[in-house]
Amino acid sequence: MSHQAFEAIGDHIAEREGYVGLQGMKAIHRYLIEKFRWQPEEVRKLSAEDLELLLAGYEEKSTTDWN
């Protein structure tokens, strides 16, 4: 998944979750922190491959082209 695709997913998550002032990767990080109750440093250490796997289940993915 490209960096641009992650940014688009993050923007979508921010809008859906009501994250004011967060976009892109920061919104993805906050979403994962809240969903899995991970510490921020744990989320920041995830590889792009790990993030893609974790976000594969995001419910809107099936209707949006993020690639």
N, C-alpha and C. Protein backbone atom coordinates (compact mmCIF):
# COMPACT_ATOMS: atom_id res chain seq x y z
N MET A 1 0.86 -1.17 0.00
CA MET A 1 0.00 0.00 0.00
C MET A 1 0.90 1.23 0.00
N SER A 2 0.55 2.21 -0.77
CA SER A 2 1.37 3.41 -0.90
C SER A 2 1.15 4.36 0.28
N HIS A 3 2.09 5.28 0.43
CA HIS A 3 1.97 6.31 1.46
C HIS A 3 0.70 7.12 1.24
N GLN A 4 0.41 7.41 -0.01
CA GLN A 4 -0.79 8.17 -0.37
C GLN A 4 -2.06 7.42 0.05
N ALA A 5 -2.04 6.10 -0.10
CA ALA A 5 -3.19 5.28 0.30
C ALA A 5 -3.38 5.33 1.81
N PHE A 6 -2.29 5.25 2.57
CA PHE A 6 -2.40 5.35 4.02
C PHE A 6 -2.96 6.72 4.43
N GLU A 7 -2.50 7.77 3.77
CA GLU A 7 -3.00 9.11 4.07
C GLU A 7 -4.51 9.19 3.82
N ALA A 8 -4.97 8.61 2.72
CA ALA A 8 -6.40 8.62 2.39
C ALA A 8 -7.20 7.84 3.43
N ILE A 9 -6.70 6.70 3.84
CA ILE A 9 -7.37 5.92 4.88
C ILE A 9 -7.44 6.72 6.17
N GLY A 10 -6.33 7.33 6.54
CA GLY A 10 -6.29 8.13 7.75
C GLY A 10 -7.27 9.29 7.72
N ASP A 11 -7.36 9.95 6.58
CA ASP A 11 -8.31 11.06 6.44
C ASP A 11 -9.74 10.56 6.60
N HIS A 12 -10.01 9.41 6.03
CA HIS A 12 -11.35 8.83 6.14
C HIS A 12 -11.66 8.44 7.59
N ILE A 13 -10.69 7.83 8.24
CA ILE A 13 -10.87 7.46 9.65
C ILE A 13 -11.11 8.71 10.50
N ALA A 14 -10.32 9.75 10.27
CA ALA A 14 -10.46 10.99 11.05
C ALA A 14 -11.86 11.57 10.90
N GLU A 15 -12.37 11.57 9.68
CA GLU A 15 -13.71 12.09 9.45
C GLU A 15 -14.76 11.23 10.14
N ARG A 16 -14.63 9.92 9.97
CA ARG A 16 -15.62 9.00 10.54
C ARG A 16 -15.61 9.00 12.06
N GLU A 17 -14.42 9.06 12.64
CA GLU A 17 -14.29 8.98 14.10
C GLU A 17 -14.40 10.35 14.78
N GLY A 18 -14.45 11.42 13.98
CA GLY A 18 -14.57 12.76 14.56
C GLY A 18 -13.28 13.28 15.17
N TYR A 19 -12.15 12.90 14.60
CA TYR A 19 -10.85 13.36 15.10
C TYR A 19 -10.57 14.77 14.59
N VAL A 20 -10.83 15.75 15.40
CA VAL A 20 -10.61 17.14 15.02
C VAL A 20 -9.11 17.43 15.04
N GLY A 21 -8.60 17.97 13.94
CA GLY A 21 -7.19 18.34 13.86
C GLY A 21 -6.25 17.20 13.55
N LEU A 22 -6.75 16.01 13.31
CA LEU A 22 -5.90 14.88 12.96
C LEU A 22 -6.24 14.41 11.55
N GLN A 23 -5.20 14.08 10.79
CA GLN A 23 -5.37 13.57 9.44
C GLN A 23 -4.31 12.50 9.19
N GLY A 24 -4.47 11.80 8.11
CA GLY A 24 -3.45 10.87 7.64
C GLY A 24 -2.97 9.88 8.68
N MET A 25 -1.65 9.75 8.76
CA MET A 25 -1.05 8.75 9.65
C MET A 25 -1.36 9.03 11.12
N LYS A 26 -1.46 10.28 11.50
CA LYS A 26 -1.77 10.58 12.90
C LYS A 26 -3.15 10.04 13.27
N ALA A 27 -4.10 10.14 12.36
CA ALA A 27 -5.44 9.60 12.61
C ALA A 27 -5.40 8.08 12.68
N ILE A 28 -4.61 7.45 11.82
CA ILE A 28 -4.46 5.99 11.87
C ILE A 28 -3.88 5.58 13.21
N HIS A 29 -2.85 6.28 13.64
CA HIS A 29 -2.22 5.95 14.92
C HIS A 29 -3.22 6.08 16.07
N ARG A 30 -3.96 7.18 16.10
CA ARG A 30 -4.95 7.35 17.18
C ARG A 30 -6.00 6.26 17.14
N TYR A 31 -6.47 5.91 15.95
CA TYR A 31 -7.47 4.85 15.80
C TYR A 31 -6.96 3.53 16.38
N LEU A 32 -5.72 3.18 16.06
CA LEU A 32 -5.15 1.92 16.55
C LEU A 32 -4.91 1.97 18.05
N ILE A 33 -4.49 3.12 18.56
CA ILE A 33 -4.29 3.28 20.01
C ILE A 33 -5.61 3.05 20.74
N GLU A 34 -6.68 3.65 20.23
CA GLU A 34 -7.98 3.50 20.88
C GLU A 34 -8.55 2.10 20.71
N LYS A 35 -8.43 1.56 19.51
CA LYS A 35 -9.02 0.25 19.22
C LYS A 35 -8.36 -0.87 20.01
N PHE A 36 -7.02 -0.87 20.05
CA PHE A 36 -6.29 -1.97 20.66
C PHE A 36 -5.70 -1.62 22.03
N ARG A 37 -5.88 -0.36 22.46
CA ARG A 37 -5.34 0.11 23.74
C ARG A 37 -3.82 -0.06 23.81
N TRP A 38 -3.19 0.22 22.68
CA TRP A 38 -1.73 0.19 22.61
C TRP A 38 -1.17 1.54 22.99
N GLN A 39 0.07 1.54 23.41
CA GLN A 39 0.77 2.78 23.70
C GLN A 39 1.22 3.43 22.37
N PRO A 40 1.31 4.76 22.33
CA PRO A 40 1.71 5.42 21.09
C PRO A 40 3.03 4.91 20.51
N GLU A 41 4.00 4.65 21.37
CA GLU A 41 5.29 4.19 20.85
C GLU A 41 5.18 2.81 20.19
N GLU A 42 4.25 1.99 20.65
CA GLU A 42 4.03 0.68 20.02
C GLU A 42 3.46 0.86 18.61
N VAL A 43 2.52 1.78 18.47
CA VAL A 43 1.88 2.01 17.18
C VAL A 43 2.87 2.62 16.19
N ARG A 44 3.70 3.55 16.67
CA ARG A 44 4.68 4.19 15.78
C ARG A 44 5.73 3.21 15.26
N LYS A 45 5.95 2.12 15.96
CA LYS A 45 6.94 1.12 15.54
C LYS A 45 6.42 0.14 14.48
N LEU A 46 5.11 0.16 14.20
CA LEU A 46 4.54 -0.79 13.23
C LEU A 46 5.06 -0.51 11.83
N SER A 47 5.36 -1.57 11.11
CA SER A 47 5.80 -1.43 9.72
C SER A 47 4.61 -1.15 8.82
N ALA A 48 4.88 -0.72 7.61
CA ALA A 48 3.81 -0.48 6.63
C ALA A 48 3.03 -1.77 6.39
N GLU A 49 3.73 -2.88 6.35
CA GLU A 49 3.07 -4.18 6.16
C GLU A 49 2.13 -4.50 7.32
N ASP A 50 2.58 -4.23 8.55
CA ASP A 50 1.74 -4.45 9.72
C ASP A 50 0.50 -3.55 9.68
N LEU A 51 0.70 -2.28 9.33
CA LEU A 51 -0.43 -1.35 9.25
C LEU A 51 -1.44 -1.79 8.21
N GLU A 52 -0.94 -2.24 7.07
CA GLU A 52 -1.85 -2.71 6.02
C GLU A 52 -2.69 -3.88 6.51
N LEU A 53 -2.07 -4.80 7.21
CA LEU A 53 -2.79 -5.95 7.76
C LEU A 53 -3.84 -5.51 8.78
N LEU A 54 -3.46 -4.61 9.67
CA LEU A 54 -4.39 -4.15 10.70
C LEU A 54 -5.56 -3.36 10.12
N LEU A 55 -5.32 -2.62 9.06
CA LEU A 55 -6.36 -1.80 8.46
C LEU A 55 -7.20 -2.54 7.44
N ALA A 56 -6.81 -3.75 7.09
CA ALA A 56 -7.55 -4.53 6.09
C ALA A 56 -8.97 -4.77 6.52
N GLY A 57 -9.23 -4.80 7.80
CA GLY A 57 -10.58 -5.04 8.30
C GLY A 57 -11.40 -3.78 8.50
N TYR A 58 -10.82 -2.63 8.22
CA TYR A 58 -11.57 -1.39 8.40
C TYR A 58 -12.79 -1.43 7.50
N GLU A 59 -13.95 -1.30 8.09
CA GLU A 59 -15.22 -1.60 7.41
C GLU A 59 -15.49 -0.85 6.12
N GLU A 60 -14.93 0.33 5.93
CA GLU A 60 -15.20 1.11 4.73
C GLU A 60 -14.29 0.71 3.57
N LYS A 61 -13.29 -0.09 3.81
CA LYS A 61 -12.31 -0.42 2.78
C LYS A 61 -12.95 -1.06 1.55
N SER A 62 -13.98 -1.84 1.74
CA SER A 62 -14.58 -2.54 0.61
C SER A 62 -15.27 -1.61 -0.37
N THR A 63 -15.59 -0.40 0.05
CA THR A 63 -16.28 0.53 -0.84
C THR A 63 -15.43 1.69 -1.30
N THR A 64 -14.16 1.72 -0.89
CA THR A 64 -13.29 2.84 -1.23
C THR A 64 -12.01 2.31 -1.87
N ASP A 65 -11.57 2.97 -2.93
CA ASP A 65 -10.32 2.59 -3.58
C ASP A 65 -9.21 3.46 -3.00
N TRP A 66 -8.36 2.85 -2.17
CA TRP A 66 -7.27 3.60 -1.53
C TRP A 66 -5.93 3.33 -2.16
N ASN A 67 -5.86 2.56 -3.20
CA ASN A 67 -4.56 2.26 -3.81
C ASN A 67 -4.26 3.21 -4.93
